[in-house]
C-alpha cells in the first residue's frame, strides 16, 4: 500500500526509539497536531508500522488527528527479546506506556489490527 499522492513535508513523522521498562527498544512515530484527538495504531502479527502508511500520509487524517504508531516488540524496528517472559501482557502494556508517555498522549483512541487488537484487553 502507498499513498495516492506525494508525501508533503508537513507529514514528516516525529520518530522516536524508546526504551520500555525492561530495556527493550520500541520504535514509534507520530504525525499531526497534538491538540487534536490522539489515535494510536498497533499492527498485527508479523507486520510493522508500515501497514498504516496510507493513513499516516493522508492529509485529511493528519489535519484532524494526532496519529501515533509503534512496532510491537518482536516486530519491525522494535527490539526482539529471546525469552518468553519478555512477551507477557505486562511487558506489552509497558511498551504502550512508554509510547504514551513519550508522546504525552491524553485519552488516546486505540486502533489495533489483528494481534494488535488483542492488546486492548491489556490496556484496561
C-alpha atoms as a PDB file:
ATOM      1  CA  UNK A   1       0.000   0.000   0.000  1.00  0.00           C
ATOM      2  CA  UNK A   2       1.157   3.502  -0.690  1.00  0.00           C
ATOM      3  CA  UNK A   3      -0.364   6.958  -0.662  1.00  0.00           C
ATOM      4  CA  UNK A   4      -2.141   8.266  -3.741  1.00  0.00           C
ATOM      5  CA  UNK A   5      -0.146  11.490  -3.612  1.00  0.00           C
ATOM      6  CA  UNK A   6       3.386  12.503  -2.803  1.00  0.00           C
ATOM      7  CA  UNK A   7       4.073  12.815   0.894  1.00  0.00           C
ATOM      8  CA  UNK A   8       4.281  16.526   1.757  1.00  0.00           C
ATOM      9  CA  UNK A   9       6.837  17.804   4.242  1.00  0.00           C
ATOM     10  CA  UNK A  10       4.037  18.524   6.714  1.00  0.00           C
ATOM     11  CA  UNK A  11       3.658  14.761   7.189  1.00  0.00           C
ATOM     12  CA  UNK A  12       7.240  14.142   8.273  1.00  0.00           C
ATOM     13  CA  UNK A  13       6.872  11.899  11.324  1.00  0.00           C
ATOM     14  CA  UNK A  14       8.279  12.529  14.780  1.00  0.00           C
ATOM     15  CA  UNK A  15      10.333   9.312  15.013  1.00  0.00           C
ATOM     16  CA  UNK A  16      11.493   8.042  18.389  1.00  0.00           C
ATOM     17  CA  UNK A  17      13.389   4.989  19.536  1.00  0.00           C
ATOM     18  CA  UNK A  18      12.038   4.484  23.042  1.00  0.00           C
ATOM     19  CA  UNK A  19      13.044   2.149  25.838  1.00  0.00           C
ATOM     20  CA  UNK A  20      10.414   0.087  27.623  1.00  0.00           C
ATOM     21  CA  UNK A  21      10.748  -0.546  31.344  1.00  0.00           C
ATOM     22  CA  UNK A  22      12.568  -3.864  30.783  1.00  0.00           C
ATOM     23  CA  UNK A  23      15.085  -2.238  28.431  1.00  0.00           C
ATOM     24  CA  UNK A  24      13.510  -3.387  25.170  1.00  0.00           C
ATOM     25  CA  UNK A  25      13.646  -0.841  22.370  1.00  0.00           C
ATOM     26  CA  UNK A  26      10.320   0.378  20.980  1.00  0.00           C
ATOM     27  CA  UNK A  27      10.217   2.123  17.603  1.00  0.00           C
ATOM     28  CA  UNK A  28       7.445   4.758  17.360  1.00  0.00           C
ATOM     29  CA  UNK A  29       6.259   7.560  15.087  1.00  0.00           C
ATOM     30  CA  UNK A  30       3.741  10.389  15.334  1.00  0.00           C
ATOM     31  CA  UNK A  31       2.267  12.913  12.899  1.00  0.00           C
ATOM     32  CA  UNK A  32      -0.322  15.646  13.169  1.00  0.00           C
ATOM     33  CA  UNK A  33      -1.298  18.281  15.671  1.00  0.00           C
ATOM     34  CA  UNK A  34      -1.016  17.322  19.366  1.00  0.00           C
ATOM     35  CA  UNK A  35      -4.092  19.451  20.109  1.00  0.00           C
ATOM     36  CA  UNK A  36      -6.299  17.131  18.031  1.00  0.00           C
ATOM     37  CA  UNK A  37      -7.705  13.808  19.285  1.00  0.00           C
ATOM     38  CA  UNK A  38      -4.977  11.207  19.793  1.00  0.00           C
ATOM     39  CA  UNK A  39      -5.180   7.941  17.805  1.00  0.00           C
ATOM     40  CA  UNK A  40      -2.744   5.071  18.448  1.00  0.00           C
ATOM     41  CA  UNK A  41      -2.305   2.299  15.881  1.00  0.00           C
ATOM     42  CA  UNK A  42      -0.812  -1.133  16.540  1.00  0.00           C
ATOM     43  CA  UNK A  43      -0.236  -3.685  13.777  1.00  0.00           C
ATOM     44  CA  UNK A  44      -0.866  -7.418  13.702  1.00  0.00           C
ATOM     45  CA  UNK A  45       1.393 -10.472  13.878  1.00  0.00           C
ATOM     46  CA  UNK A  46       4.475 -10.409  11.613  1.00  0.00           C
ATOM     47  CA  UNK A  47       3.697  -6.852  10.454  1.00  0.00           C
ATOM     48  CA  UNK A  48       5.038  -3.406  11.377  1.00  0.00           C
ATOM     49  CA  UNK A  49       4.070   0.264  11.396  1.00  0.00           C
ATOM     50  CA  UNK A  50       4.276   0.443   7.607  1.00  0.00           C
ATOM     51  CA  UNK A  51       0.835  -1.185   7.296  1.00  0.00           C
ATOM     52  CA  UNK A  52      -0.610   2.177   8.368  1.00  0.00           C
ATOM     53  CA  UNK A  53       1.274   4.298   5.797  1.00  0.00           C
ATOM     54  CA  UNK A  54      -1.884   5.168   3.841  1.00  0.00           C
ATOM     55  CA  UNK A  55      -3.421   6.644   6.994  1.00  0.00           C
ATOM     56  CA  UNK A  56      -0.266   8.384   8.215  1.00  0.00           C
ATOM     57  CA  UNK A  57       0.373  10.065   4.886  1.00  0.00           C
ATOM     58  CA  UNK A  58      -3.226  11.106   4.243  1.00  0.00           C
ATOM     59  CA  UNK A  59      -3.532  14.861   4.839  1.00  0.00           C
ATOM     60  CA  UNK A  60      -7.151  14.588   5.992  1.00  0.00           C
ATOM     61  CA  UNK A  61      -6.169  12.317   8.880  1.00  0.00           C
ATOM     62  CA  UNK A  62      -3.091  14.400   9.667  1.00  0.00           C
ATOM     63  CA  UNK A  63      -5.166  17.589   9.839  1.00  0.00           C
ATOM     64  CA  UNK A  64      -7.847  16.088  12.089  1.00  0.00           C
ATOM     65  CA  UNK A  65      -5.877  13.837  14.456  1.00  0.00           C
ATOM     66  CA  UNK A  66      -2.616  13.293  16.263  1.00  0.00           C
ATOM     67  CA  UNK A  67      -1.599   9.885  14.913  1.00  0.00           C
ATOM     68  CA  UNK A  68       0.826   7.606  16.744  1.00  0.00           C
ATOM     69  CA  UNK A  69       2.005   4.151  15.701  1.00  0.00           C
ATOM     70  CA  UNK A  70       4.646   1.812  17.022  1.00  0.00           C
ATOM     71  CA  UNK A  71       6.235  -1.525  16.270  1.00  0.00           C
ATOM     72  CA  UNK A  72       5.208  -4.200  18.753  1.00  0.00           C
ATOM     73  CA  UNK A  73       8.181  -5.876  20.454  1.00  0.00           C
ATOM     74  CA  UNK A  74       9.473  -8.704  18.319  1.00  0.00           C
ATOM     75  CA  UNK A  75       8.393  -6.898  15.140  1.00  0.00           C
ATOM     76  CA  UNK A  76       9.719  -4.288  12.723  1.00  0.00           C
ATOM     77  CA  UNK A  77      12.275  -1.885  14.184  1.00  0.00           C
ATOM     78  CA  UNK A  78      11.493  -2.637  17.835  1.00  0.00           C
ATOM     79  CA  UNK A  79      13.623  -4.925  19.974  1.00  0.00           C
ATOM     80  CA  UNK A  80      13.332  -8.687  19.662  1.00  0.00           C
ATOM     81  CA  UNK A  81      13.901 -10.265  23.071  1.00  0.00           C
ATOM     82  CA  UNK A  82      14.535 -14.018  23.072  1.00  0.00           C
ATOM     83  CA  UNK A  83      12.927 -15.101  26.343  1.00  0.00           C
ATOM     84  CA  UNK A  84       9.205 -15.865  26.618  1.00  0.00           C
ATOM     85  CA  UNK A  85       8.885 -13.652  29.728  1.00  0.00           C
ATOM     86  CA  UNK A  86       9.545 -10.635  27.511  1.00  0.00           C
ATOM     87  CA  UNK A  87       6.222 -11.201  25.702  1.00  0.00           C
ATOM     88  CA  UNK A  88       3.828 -11.267  28.646  1.00  0.00           C
ATOM     89  CA  UNK A  89       0.838  -8.956  28.799  1.00  0.00           C
ATOM     90  CA  UNK A  90       2.659  -6.913  31.430  1.00  0.00           C
ATOM     91  CA  UNK A  91       5.579  -6.246  29.070  1.00  0.00           C
ATOM     92  CA  UNK A  92       3.299  -5.336  26.158  1.00  0.00           C
ATOM     93  CA  UNK A  93       1.411  -2.896  28.391  1.00  0.00           C
ATOM     94  CA  UNK A  94       4.722  -1.371  29.477  1.00  0.00           C
ATOM     95  CA  UNK A  95       5.608  -0.779  25.822  1.00  0.00           C
ATOM     96  CA  UNK A  96       2.323   1.069  25.317  1.00  0.00           C
ATOM     97  CA  UNK A  97       3.000   3.073  28.479  1.00  0.00           C
ATOM     98  CA  UNK A  98       6.421   4.085  27.131  1.00  0.00           C
ATOM     99  CA  UNK A  99       4.822   5.298  23.897  1.00  0.00           C
ATOM    100  CA  UNK A 100       2.012   7.117  25.715  1.00  0.00           C
ATOM    101  CA  UNK A 101       4.487   8.877  27.993  1.00  0.00           C
ATOM    102  CA  UNK A 102       6.929   9.798  25.221  1.00  0.00           C
ATOM    103  CA  UNK A 103       4.219  11.414  23.095  1.00  0.00           C
ATOM    104  CA  UNK A 104       2.243  12.796  26.060  1.00  0.00           C
ATOM    105  CA  UNK A 105      -0.936  11.053  24.932  1.00  0.00           C
ATOM    106  CA  UNK A 106      -4.183  12.178  26.526  1.00  0.00           C
ATOM    107  CA  UNK A 107      -7.158   9.769  26.407  1.00  0.00           C
ATOM    108  CA  UNK A 108      -5.967   8.117  23.184  1.00  0.00           C
ATOM    109  CA  UNK A 109      -8.253   6.099  20.959  1.00  0.00           C
ATOM    110  CA  UNK A 110      -6.580   2.753  20.289  1.00  0.00           C
ATOM    111  CA  UNK A 111      -6.844   1.026  16.887  1.00  0.00           C
ATOM    112  CA  UNK A 112      -5.347  -2.444  16.790  1.00  0.00           C
ATOM    113  CA  UNK A 113      -5.224  -4.726  13.782  1.00  0.00           C
ATOM    114  CA  UNK A 114      -5.419  -8.493  14.330  1.00  0.00           C
ATOM    115  CA  UNK A 115      -2.908  -9.320  17.114  1.00  0.00           C
ATOM    116  CA  UNK A 116      -2.622  -5.591  17.802  1.00  0.00           C
ATOM    117  CA  UNK A 117      -6.359  -5.543  18.503  1.00  0.00           C
ATOM    118  CA  UNK A 118      -5.964  -8.056  21.299  1.00  0.00           C
ATOM    119  CA  UNK A 119      -3.826  -5.550  23.181  1.00  0.00           C
ATOM    120  CA  UNK A 120      -6.886  -3.508  24.166  1.00  0.00           C
ATOM    121  CA  UNK A 121      -7.606  -6.101  26.871  1.00  0.00           C
ATOM    122  CA  UNK A 122      -4.168  -5.399  28.338  1.00  0.00           C
ATOM    123  CA  UNK A 123      -4.554  -1.633  28.494  1.00  0.00           C
ATOM    124  CA  UNK A 124      -7.692  -1.534  30.640  1.00  0.00           C
END
